Amino acid sequence: GVITKARNIKDQEDSVRSSLDLMYKDLKQKQKAYEAS
């Protein structure tokens, strides 16, 4: 159960990292669009 829990947490942490990076990139694109507008 510990090993399964570890895998779950690692997958979720990776998901947070990936999502946060994508959100930041999306934010920067929207910043450029806003400044152009």
PDB file of all heavy atoms in Angstrom:
ATOM      1  N   GLY A   1       0.818  -1.209   0.000  1.00  0.00           N
ATOM      2  CA  GLY A   1       0.000   0.000   0.000  1.00  0.00           C
ATOM      3  C   GLY A   1       0.848   1.253   0.000  1.00  0.00           C
ATOM      4  O   GLY A   1       0.492   2.259  -0.625  1.00  0.00           O
ATOM      5  N   VAL A   2       1.976   1.194   0.699  1.00  0.00           N
ATOM      6  CA  VAL A   2       2.902   2.334   0.724  1.00  0.00           C
ATOM      7  C   VAL A   2       3.440   2.616  -0.667  1.00  0.00           C
ATOM      8  O   VAL A   2       3.530   3.773  -1.113  1.00  0.00           O
ATOM      9  CB  VAL A   2       4.050   2.078   1.713  1.00  0.00           C
ATOM     10  CG1 VAL A   2       5.168   3.115   1.535  1.00  0.00           C
ATOM     11  CG2 VAL A   2       3.549   2.077   3.128  1.00  0.00           C
ATOM     12  N   ILE A   3       3.794   1.535  -1.369  1.00  0.00           N
ATOM     13  CA  ILE A   3       4.348   1.697  -2.721  1.00  0.00           C
ATOM     14  C   ILE A   3       3.285   2.261  -3.664  1.00  0.00           C
ATOM     15  O   ILE A   3       3.551   3.158  -4.471  1.00  0.00           O
ATOM     16  CB  ILE A   3       4.886   0.349  -3.243  1.00  0.00           C
ATOM     17  CG1 ILE A   3       6.099  -0.077  -2.404  1.00  0.00           C
ATOM     18  CG2 ILE A   3       5.269   0.460  -4.714  1.00  0.00           C
ATOM     19  CD1 ILE A   3       6.606  -1.458  -2.730  1.00  0.00           C
ATOM     20  N   THR A   4       2.059   1.740  -3.556  1.00  0.00           N
ATOM     21  CA  THR A   4       0.972   2.257  -4.391  1.00  0.00           C
ATOM     22  C   THR A   4       0.712   3.724  -4.091  1.00  0.00           C
ATOM     23  O   THR A   4       0.513   4.539  -5.000  1.00  0.00           O
ATOM     24  CB  THR A   4      -0.314   1.448  -4.141  1.00  0.00           C
ATOM     25  OG1 THR A   4      -0.076   0.082  -4.466  1.00  0.00           O
ATOM     26  CG2 THR A   4      -1.460   1.977  -4.997  1.00  0.00           C
ATOM     27  N   LYS A   5       0.709   4.047  -2.802  1.00  0.00           N
ATOM     28  CA  LYS A   5       0.508   5.437  -2.403  1.00  0.00           C
ATOM     29  C   LYS A   5       1.615   6.319  -2.964  1.00  0.00           C
ATOM     30  O   LYS A   5       1.359   7.436  -3.446  1.00  0.00           O
ATOM     31  CB  LYS A   5       0.464   5.532  -0.877  1.00  0.00           C
ATOM     32  CG  LYS A   5       0.266   6.935  -0.331  1.00  0.00           C
ATOM     33  CD  LYS A   5       0.128   6.878   1.183  1.00  0.00           C
ATOM     34  CE  LYS A   5      -0.039   8.263   1.771  1.00  0.00           C
ATOM     35  NZ  LYS A   5      -0.243   8.225   3.239  1.00  0.00           N
ATOM     36  N   ALA A   6       2.836   5.805  -2.926  1.00  0.00           N
ATOM     37  CA  ALA A   6       3.966   6.570  -3.455  1.00  0.00           C
ATOM     38  C   ALA A   6       3.788   6.863  -4.934  1.00  0.00           C
ATOM     39  O   ALA A   6       4.036   7.971  -5.406  1.00  0.00           O
ATOM     40  CB  ALA A   6       5.267   5.813  -3.221  1.00  0.00           C
ATOM     41  N   ARG A   7       3.343   5.835  -5.674  1.00  0.00           N
ATOM     42  CA  ARG A   7       3.138   6.032  -7.109  1.00  0.00           C
ATOM     43  C   ARG A   7       2.038   7.058  -7.365  1.00  0.00           C
ATOM     44  O   ARG A   7       2.154   7.905  -8.250  1.00  0.00           O
ATOM     45  CB  ARG A   7       2.764   4.697  -7.762  1.00  0.00           C
ATOM     46  CG  ARG A   7       3.914   3.688  -7.809  1.00  0.00           C
ATOM     47  CD  ARG A   7       3.569   2.535  -8.727  1.00  0.00           C
ATOM     48  NE  ARG A   7       4.646   1.552  -8.757  1.00  0.00           N
ATOM     49  CZ  ARG A   7       4.522   0.303  -8.320  1.00  0.00           C
ATOM     50  NH1 ARG A   7       3.376  -0.101  -7.804  1.00  0.00           N
ATOM     51  NH2 ARG A   7       5.538  -0.531  -8.395  1.00  0.00           N
ATOM     52  N   ASN A   8       0.964   6.956  -6.589  1.00  0.00           N
ATOM     53  CA  ASN A   8      -0.136   7.907  -6.751  1.00  0.00           C
ATOM     54  C   ASN A   8       0.339   9.333  -6.516  1.00  0.00           C
ATOM     55  O   ASN A   8       0.009  10.253  -7.283  1.00  0.00           O
ATOM     56  CB  ASN A   8      -1.266   7.579  -5.772  1.00  0.00           C
ATOM     57  CG  ASN A   8      -2.023   6.332  -6.162  1.00  0.00           C
ATOM     58  OD1 ASN A   8      -1.968   5.892  -7.299  1.00  0.00           O
ATOM     59  ND2 ASN A   8      -2.714   5.750  -5.212  1.00  0.00           N
ATOM     60  N   ILE A   9       1.081   9.509  -5.436  1.00  0.00           N
ATOM     61  CA  ILE A   9       1.548  10.850  -5.090  1.00  0.00           C
ATOM     62  C   ILE A   9       2.514  11.371  -6.143  1.00  0.00           C
ATOM     63  O   ILE A   9       2.438  12.535  -6.550  1.00  0.00           O
ATOM     64  CB  ILE A   9       2.195  10.861  -3.695  1.00  0.00           C
ATOM     65  CG1 ILE A   9       1.100  10.671  -2.639  1.00  0.00           C
ATOM     66  CG2 ILE A   9       2.969  12.147  -3.446  1.00  0.00           C
ATOM     67  CD1 ILE A   9       1.599  10.625  -1.216  1.00  0.00           C
ATOM     68  N   LYS A  10       3.417  10.505  -6.597  1.00  0.00           N
ATOM     69  CA  LYS A  10       4.368  10.945  -7.616  1.00  0.00           C
ATOM     70  C   LYS A  10       3.632  11.362  -8.886  1.00  0.00           C
ATOM     71  O   LYS A  10       3.945  12.399  -9.485  1.00  0.00           O
ATOM     72  CB  LYS A  10       5.365   9.837  -7.942  1.00  0.00           C
ATOM     73  CG  LYS A  10       6.431  10.262  -8.960  1.00  0.00           C
ATOM     74  CD  LYS A  10       7.408   9.148  -9.235  1.00  0.00           C
ATOM     75  CE  LYS A  10       8.508   9.649 -10.197  1.00  0.00           C
ATOM     76  NZ  LYS A  10       7.945  10.136 -11.483  1.00  0.00           N
ATOM     77  N   ASP A  11       2.633  10.567  -9.306  1.00  0.00           N
ATOM     78  CA  ASP A  11       1.860  10.912 -10.505  1.00  0.00           C
ATOM     79  C   ASP A  11       1.141  12.250 -10.318  1.00  0.00           C
ATOM     80  O   ASP A  11       1.110  13.089 -11.231  1.00  0.00           O
ATOM     81  CB  ASP A  11       0.838   9.819 -10.811  1.00  0.00           C
ATOM     82  CG  ASP A  11       1.482   8.542 -11.337  1.00  0.00           C
ATOM     83  OD1 ASP A  11       2.670   8.607 -11.710  1.00  0.00           O
ATOM     84  OD2 ASP A  11       0.801   7.496 -11.347  1.00  0.00           O
ATOM     85  N   GLN A  12       0.564  12.448  -9.145  1.00  0.00           N
ATOM     86  CA  GLN A  12      -0.172  13.685  -8.890  1.00  0.00           C
ATOM     87  C   GLN A  12       0.765  14.889  -8.800  1.00  0.00           C
ATOM     88  O   GLN A  12       0.437  15.979  -9.282  1.00  0.00           O
ATOM     89  CB  GLN A  12      -0.990  13.544  -7.612  1.00  0.00           C
ATOM     90  CG  GLN A  12      -2.167  12.590  -7.771  1.00  0.00           C
ATOM     91  CD  GLN A  12      -2.933  12.367  -6.487  1.00  0.00           C
ATOM     92  OE1 GLN A  12      -2.511  12.786  -5.408  1.00  0.00           O
ATOM     93  NE2 GLN A  12      -4.067  11.701  -6.580  1.00  0.00           N
ATOM     94  N   GLU A  13       1.925  14.695  -8.193  1.00  0.00           N
ATOM     95  CA  GLU A  13       2.898  15.789  -8.142  1.00  0.00           C
ATOM     96  C   GLU A  13       3.368  16.160  -9.545  1.00  0.00           C
ATOM     97  O   GLU A  13       3.504  17.346  -9.875  1.00  0.00           O
ATOM     98  CB  GLU A  13       4.086  15.401  -7.266  1.00  0.00           C
ATOM     99  CG  GLU A  13       3.769  15.353  -5.788  1.00  0.00           C
ATOM    100  CD  GLU A  13       4.972  14.986  -4.944  1.00  0.00           C
ATOM    101  OE1 GLU A  13       5.985  14.517  -5.523  1.00  0.00           O
ATOM    102  OE2 GLU A  13       4.910  15.164  -3.717  1.00  0.00           O
ATOM    103  N   ASP A  14       3.617  15.139 -10.370  1.00  0.00           N
ATOM    104  CA  ASP A  14       4.005  15.407 -11.760  1.00  0.00           C
ATOM    105  C   ASP A  14       2.902  16.147 -12.498  1.00  0.00           C
ATOM    106  O   ASP A  14       3.169  17.039 -13.317  1.00  0.00           O
ATOM    107  CB  ASP A  14       4.331  14.095 -12.485  1.00  0.00           C
ATOM    108  CG  ASP A  14       5.646  13.474 -12.025  1.00  0.00           C
ATOM    109  OD1 ASP A  14       6.445  14.189 -11.380  1.00  0.00           O
ATOM    110  OD2 ASP A  14       5.867  12.276 -12.299  1.00  0.00           O
ATOM    111  N   SER A  15       1.657  15.786 -12.203  1.00  0.00           N
ATOM    112  CA  SER A  15       0.517  16.458 -12.835  1.00  0.00           C
ATOM    113  C   SER A  15       0.450  17.923 -12.417  1.00  0.00           C
ATOM    114  O   SER A  15       0.168  18.802 -13.243  1.00  0.00           O
ATOM    115  CB  SER A  15      -0.779  15.742 -12.461  1.00  0.00           C
ATOM    116  OG  SER A  15      -1.888  16.360 -13.071  1.00  0.00           O
ATOM    117  N   VAL A  16       0.719  18.203 -11.158  1.00  0.00           N
ATOM    118  CA  VAL A  16       0.736  19.592 -10.680  1.00  0.00           C
ATOM    119  C   VAL A  16       1.820  20.377 -11.409  1.00  0.00           C
ATOM    120  O   VAL A  16       1.583  21.487 -11.889  1.00  0.00           O
ATOM    121  CB  VAL A  16       0.966  19.649  -9.157  1.00  0.00           C
ATOM    122  CG1 VAL A  16       1.236  21.091  -8.720  1.00  0.00           C
ATOM    123  CG2 VAL A  16      -0.249  19.114  -8.416  1.00  0.00           C
ATOM    124  N   ARG A  17       3.016  19.786 -11.489  1.00  0.00           N
ATOM    125  CA  ARG A  17       4.131  20.484 -12.160  1.00  0.00           C
ATOM    126  C   ARG A  17       3.796  20.775 -13.617  1.00  0.00           C
ATOM    127  O   ARG A  17       4.005  21.896 -14.105  1.00  0.00           O
ATOM    128  CB  ARG A  17       5.397  19.631 -12.074  1.00  0.00           C
ATOM    129  CG  ARG A  17       5.952  19.453 -10.668  1.00  0.00           C
ATOM    130  CD  ARG A  17       7.290  18.724 -10.703  1.00  0.00           C
ATOM    131  NE  ARG A  17       7.794  18.499  -9.363  1.00  0.00           N
ATOM    132  CZ  ARG A  17       7.616  17.367  -8.679  1.00  0.00           C
ATOM    133  NH1 ARG A  17       6.967  16.355  -9.240  1.00  0.00           N
ATOM    134  NH2 ARG A  17       8.100  17.247  -7.460  1.00  0.00           N
ATOM    135  N   SER A  18       3.279  19.753 -14.301  1.00  0.00           N
ATOM    136  CA  SER A  18       2.943  19.921 -15.720  1.00  0.00           C
ATOM    137  C   SER A  18       1.835  20.960 -15.900  1.00  0.00           C
ATOM    138  O   SER A  18       1.928  21.833 -16.773  1.00  0.00           O
ATOM    139  CB  SER A  18       2.500  18.572 -16.294  1.00  0.00           C
ATOM    140  OG  SER A  18       2.055  18.713 -17.621  1.00  0.00           O
ATOM    141  N   SER A  19       0.807  20.877 -15.076  1.00  0.00           N
ATOM    142  CA  SER A  19      -0.324  21.807 -15.197  1.00  0.00           C
ATOM    143  C   SER A  19       0.111  23.236 -14.912  1.00  0.00           C
ATOM    144  O   SER A  19      -0.304  24.174 -15.607  1.00  0.00           O
ATOM    145  CB  SER A  19      -1.445  21.405 -14.233  1.00  0.00           C
ATOM    146  OG  SER A  19      -1.979  20.151 -14.572  1.00  0.00           O
ATOM    147  N   LEU A  20       0.933  23.407 -13.893  1.00  0.00           N
ATOM    148  CA  LEU A  20       1.380  24.753 -13.532  1.00  0.00           C
ATOM    149  C   LEU A  20       2.212  25.358 -14.660  1.00  0.00           C
ATOM    150  O   LEU A  20       2.072  26.546 -14.978  1.00  0.00           O
ATOM    151  CB  LEU A  20       2.189  24.701 -12.232  1.00  0.00           C
ATOM    152  CG  LEU A  20       2.385  26.034 -11.509  1.00  0.00           C
ATOM    153  CD1 LEU A  20       1.061  26.560 -10.977  1.00  0.00           C
ATOM    154  CD2 LEU A  20       3.380  25.886 -10.349  1.00  0.00           C
ATOM    155  N   ASP A  21       3.057  24.545 -15.269  1.00  0.00           N
ATOM    156  CA  ASP A  21       3.880  25.036 -16.376  1.00  0.00           C
ATOM    157  C   ASP A  21       3.006  25.433 -17.568  1.00  0.00           C
ATOM    158  O   ASP A  21       3.226  26.485 -18.183  1.00  0.00           O
ATOM    159  CB  ASP A  21       4.884  23.953 -16.786  1.00  0.00           C
ATOM    160  CG  ASP A  21       5.871  24.444 -17.836  1.00  0.00           C
ATOM    161  OD1 ASP A  21       6.629  25.394 -17.528  1.00  0.00           O
ATOM    162  OD2 ASP A  21       5.884  23.907 -18.950  1.00  0.00           O
ATOM    163  N   LEU A  22       2.011  24.606 -17.883  1.00  0.00           N
ATOM    164  CA  LEU A  22       1.106  24.926 -18.991  1.00  0.00           C
ATOM    165  C   LEU A  22       0.286  26.179 -18.694  1.00  0.00           C
ATOM    166  O   LEU A  22       0.052  27.006 -19.588  1.00  0.00           O
ATOM    167  CB  LEU A  22       0.174  23.746 -19.252  1.00  0.00           C
ATOM    168  CG  LEU A  22       0.823  22.495 -19.881  1.00  0.00           C
ATOM    169  CD1 LEU A  22      -0.184  21.355 -19.940  1.00  0.00           C
ATOM    170  CD2 LEU A  22       1.357  22.807 -21.279  1.00  0.00           C
ATOM    171  N   MET A  23      -0.140  26.319 -17.446  1.00  0.00           N
ATOM    172  CA  MET A  23      -0.908  27.507 -17.060  1.00  0.00           C
ATOM    173  C   MET A  23      -0.067  28.766 -17.217  1.00  0.00           C
ATOM    174  O   MET A  23      -0.568  29.806 -17.647  1.00  0.00           O
ATOM    175  CB  MET A  23      -1.393  27.360 -15.619  1.00  0.00           C
ATOM    176  CG  MET A  23      -2.470  26.307 -15.444  1.00  0.00           C
ATOM    177  SD  MET A  23      -2.780  25.913 -13.708  1.00  0.00           S
ATOM    178  CE  MET A  23      -3.570  27.420 -13.197  1.00  0.00           C
ATOM    179  N   TYR A  24       1.200  28.662 -16.856  1.00  0.00           N
ATOM    180  CA  TYR A  24       2.084  29.827 -16.970  1.00  0.00           C
ATOM    181  C   TYR A  24       2.284  30.211 -18.439  1.00  0.00           C
ATOM    182  O   TYR A  24       2.248  31.397 -18.790  1.00  0.00           O
ATOM    183  CB  TYR A  24       3.426  29.527 -16.314  1.00  0.00           C
ATOM    184  CG  TYR A  24       4.386  30.689 -16.342  1.00  0.00           C
ATOM    185  CD1 TYR A  24       4.211  31.785 -15.507  1.00  0.00           C
ATOM    186  CD2 TYR A  24       5.466  30.707 -17.227  1.00  0.00           C
ATOM    187  CE1 TYR A  24       5.084  32.868 -15.534  1.00  0.00           C
ATOM    188  CE2 TYR A  24       6.336  31.778 -17.266  1.00  0.00           C
ATOM    189  CZ  TYR A  24       6.143  32.861 -16.415  1.00  0.00           C
ATOM    190  OH  TYR A  24       7.006  33.933 -16.459  1.00  0.00           O
ATOM    191  N   LYS A  25       2.491  29.209 -19.287  1.00  0.00           N
ATOM    192  CA  LYS A  25       2.671  29.488 -20.714  1.00  0.00           C
ATOM    193  C   LYS A  25       1.401  30.112 -21.302  1.00  0.00           C
ATOM    194  O   LYS A  25       1.476  31.053 -22.108  1.00  0.00           O
ATOM    195  CB  LYS A  25       3.035  28.206 -21.457  1.00  0.00           C
ATOM    196  CG  LYS A  25       4.434  27.692 -21.128  1.00  0.00           C
ATOM    197  CD  LYS A  25       4.706  26.360 -21.811  1.00  0.00           C
ATOM    198  CE  LYS A  25       6.115  25.863 -21.476  1.00  0.00           C
ATOM    199  NZ  LYS A  25       6.379  24.520 -22.051  1.00  0.00           N
ATOM    200  N   ASP A  26       0.254  29.584 -20.910  1.00  0.00           N
ATOM    201  CA  ASP A  26      -1.020  30.144 -21.373  1.00  0.00           C
ATOM    202  C   ASP A  26      -1.175  31.584 -20.898  1.00  0.00           C
ATOM    203  O   ASP A  26      -1.632  32.461 -21.646  1.00  0.00           O
ATOM    204  CB  ASP A  26      -2.169  29.287 -20.841  1.00  0.00           C
ATOM    205  CG  ASP A  26      -3.530  29.838 -21.235  1.00  0.00           C
ATOM    206  OD1 ASP A  26      -3.841  29.868 -22.431  1.00  0.00           O
ATOM    207  OD2 ASP A  26      -4.285  30.241 -20.329  1.00  0.00           O
ATOM    208  N   LEU A  27      -0.788  31.818 -19.651  1.00  0.00           N
ATOM    209  CA  LEU A  27      -0.871  33.168 -19.082  1.00  0.00           C
ATOM    210  C   LEU A  27      -0.004  34.148 -19.875  1.00  0.00           C
ATOM    211  O   LEU A  27      -0.442  35.271 -20.187  1.00  0.00           O
ATOM    212  CB  LEU A  27      -0.422  33.114 -17.623  1.00  0.00           C
ATOM    213  CG  LEU A  27      -0.549  34.341 -16.726  1.00  0.00           C
ATOM    214  CD1 LEU A  27      -0.568  33.892 -15.258  1.00  0.00           C
ATOM    215  CD2 LEU A  27       0.605  35.307 -16.918  1.00  0.00           C
ATOM    216  N   LYS A  28       1.208  33.737 -20.219  1.00  0.00           N
ATOM    217  CA  LYS A  28       2.111  34.627 -20.962  1.00  0.00           C
ATOM    218  C   LYS A  28       1.563  34.926 -22.358  1.00  0.00           C
ATOM    219  O   LYS A  28       1.709  36.048 -22.859  1.00  0.00           O
ATOM    220  CB  LYS A  28       3.503  33.995 -21.058  1.00  0.00           C
ATOM    221  CG  LYS A  28       4.206  33.842 -19.715  1.00  0.00           C
ATOM    222  CD  LYS A  28       4.443  35.176 -19.018  1.00  0.00           C
ATOM    223  CE  LYS A  28       5.515  35.987 -19.674  1.00  0.00           C
ATOM    224  NZ  LYS A  28       5.823  37.236 -18.922  1.00  0.00           N
ATOM    225  N   GLN A  29       0.929  33.937 -22.995  1.00  0.00           N
ATOM    226  CA  GLN A  29       0.316  34.180 -24.301  1.00  0.00           C
ATOM    227  C   GLN A  29      -0.832  35.181 -24.185  1.00  0.00           C
ATOM    228  O   GLN A  29      -0.974  36.076 -25.014  1.00  0.00           O
ATOM    229  CB  GLN A  29      -0.192  32.860 -24.882  1.00  0.00           C
ATOM    230  CG  GLN A  29       0.910  31.914 -25.341  1.00  0.00           C
ATOM    231  CD  GLN A  29       0.367  30.609 -25.895  1.00  0.00           C
ATOM    232  OE1 GLN A  29      -0.785  30.259 -25.658  1.00  0.00           O
ATOM    233  NE2 GLN A  29       1.199  29.892 -26.624  1.00  0.00           N
ATOM    234  N   LYS A  30      -1.627  35.020 -23.142  1.00  0.00           N
ATOM    235  CA  LYS A  30      -2.738  35.944 -22.938  1.00  0.00           C
ATOM    236  C   LYS A  30      -2.243  37.338 -22.568  1.00  0.00           C
ATOM    237  O   LYS A  30      -2.892  38.342 -22.884  1.00  0.00           O
ATOM    238  CB  LYS A  30      -3.677  35.393 -21.865  1.00  0.00           C
ATOM    239  CG  LYS A  30      -4.526  34.219 -22.360  1.00  0.00           C
ATOM    240  CD  LYS A  30      -5.466  33.722 -21.300  1.00  0.00           C
ATOM    241  CE  LYS A  30      -6.503  32.766 -21.884  1.00  0.00           C
ATOM    242  NZ  LYS A  30      -5.944  31.573 -22.504  1.00  0.00           N
ATOM    243  N   GLN A  31      -1.103  37.413 -21.919  1.00  0.00           N
ATOM    244  CA  GLN A  31      -0.518  38.723 -21.610  1.00  0.00           C
ATOM    245  C   GLN A  31      -0.128  39.441 -22.908  1.00  0.00           C
ATOM    246  O   GLN A  31      -0.391  40.635 -23.070  1.00  0.00           O
ATOM    247  CB  GLN A  31       0.706  38.572 -20.707  1.00  0.00           C
ATOM    248  CG  GLN A  31       1.348  39.909 -20.333  1.00  0.00           C
ATOM    249  CD  GLN A  31       2.594  39.739 -19.482  1.00  0.00           C
ATOM    250  OE1 GLN A  31       3.061  38.618 -19.252  1.00  0.00           O
ATOM    251  NE2 GLN A  31       3.142  40.846 -18.997  1.00  0.00           N
ATOM    252  N   LYS A  32       0.476  38.703 -23.830  1.00  0.00           N
ATOM    253  CA  LYS A  32       0.841  39.299 -25.119  1.00  0.00           C
ATOM    254  C   LYS A  32      -0.407  39.765 -25.873  1.00  0.00           C
ATOM    255  O   LYS A  32      -0.417  40.850 -26.465  1.00  0.00           O
ATOM    256  CB  LYS A  32       1.618  38.291 -25.965  1.00  0.00           C
ATOM    257  CG  LYS A  32       3.027  37.995 -25.449  1.00  0.00           C
ATOM    258  CD  LYS A  32       3.725  36.986 -26.342  1.00  0.00           C
ATOM    259  CE  LYS A  32       5.131  36.676 -25.833  1.00  0.00           C
ATOM    260  NZ  LYS A  32       5.815  35.648 -26.671  1.00  0.00           N
ATOM    261  N   ALA A  33      -1.446  38.940 -25.848  1.00  0.00           N
ATOM    262  CA  ALA A  33      -2.689  39.305 -26.536  1.00  0.00           C
ATOM    263  C   ALA A  33      -3.313  40.548 -25.899  1.00  0.00           C
ATOM    264  O   ALA A  33      -3.819  41.432 -26.604  1.00  0.00           O
ATOM    265  CB  ALA A  33      -3.670  38.136 -26.488  1.00  0.00           C
ATOM    266  N   TYR A  34      -3.253  40.617 -24.586  1.00  0.00           N
ATOM    267  CA  TYR A  34      -3.815  41.778 -23.881  1.00  0.00           C
ATOM    268  C   TYR A  34      -3.032  43.042 -24.224  1.00  0.00           C
ATOM    269  O   TYR A  34      -3.626  44.098 -24.498  1.00  0.00           O
ATOM    270  CB  TYR A  34      -3.777  41.527 -22.374  1.00  0.00           C
ATOM    271  CG  TYR A  34      -4.139  42.736 -21.548  1.00  0.00           C
ATOM    272  CD1 TYR A  34      -5.461  43.172 -21.441  1.00  0.00           C
ATOM    273  CD2 TYR A  34      -3.156  43.457 -20.865  1.00  0.00           C
ATOM    274  CE1 TYR A  34      -5.793  44.286 -20.683  1.00  0.00           C
ATOM    275  CE2 TYR A  34      -3.484  44.565 -20.101  1.00  0.00           C
ATOM    276  CZ  TYR A  34      -4.803  44.972 -20.011  1.00  0.00           C
ATOM    277  OH  TYR A  34      -5.128  46.077 -19.263  1.00  0.00           O
ATOM    278  N   GLU A  35      -1.707  42.952 -24.223  1.00  0.00           N
ATOM    279  CA  GLU A  35      -0.886  44.121 -24.529  1.00  0.00           C
ATOM    280  C   GLU A  35      -1.097  44.575 -25.969  1.00  0.00           C
ATOM    281  O   GLU A  35      -1.114  45.779 -26.257  1.00  0.00           O
ATOM    282  CB  GLU A  35       0.581  43.798 -24.254  1.00  0.00           C
ATOM    283  CG  GLU A  35       0.878  43.646 -22.756  1.00  0.00           C
ATOM    284  CD  GLU A  35       2.256  43.093 -22.469  1.00  0.00           C
ATOM    285  OE1 GLU A  35       2.891  42.567 -23.415  1.00  0.00           O
ATOM    286  OE2 GLU A  35       2.706  43.165 -21.303  1.00  0.00           O
ATOM    287  N   ALA A  36      -1.291  43.617 -26.877  1.00  0.00           N
ATOM    288  CA  ALA A  36      -1.585  43.981 -28.272  1.00  0.00           C
ATOM    289  C   ALA A  36      -2.951  44.649 -28.376  1.00  0.00           C
ATOM    290  O   ALA A  36      -3.134  45.612 -29.129  1.00  0.00           O
ATOM    291  CB  ALA A  36      -1.538  42.733 -29.150  1.00  0.00           C
ATOM    292  N   SER A  37      -3.907  44.160 -27.602  1.00  0.00           N
ATOM    293  CA  SER A  37      -5.251  44.742 -27.643  1.00  0.00           C
ATOM    294  C   SER A  37      -5.253  46.162 -27.090  1.00  0.00           C
ATOM    295  O   SER A  37      -6.081  46.985 -27.496  1.00  0.00           O
ATOM    296  CB  SER A  37      -6.233  43.876 -26.847  1.00  0.00           C
ATOM    297  OG  SER A  37      -6.105  44.073 -25.457  1.00  0.00           O
TER     298      SER A  37
END
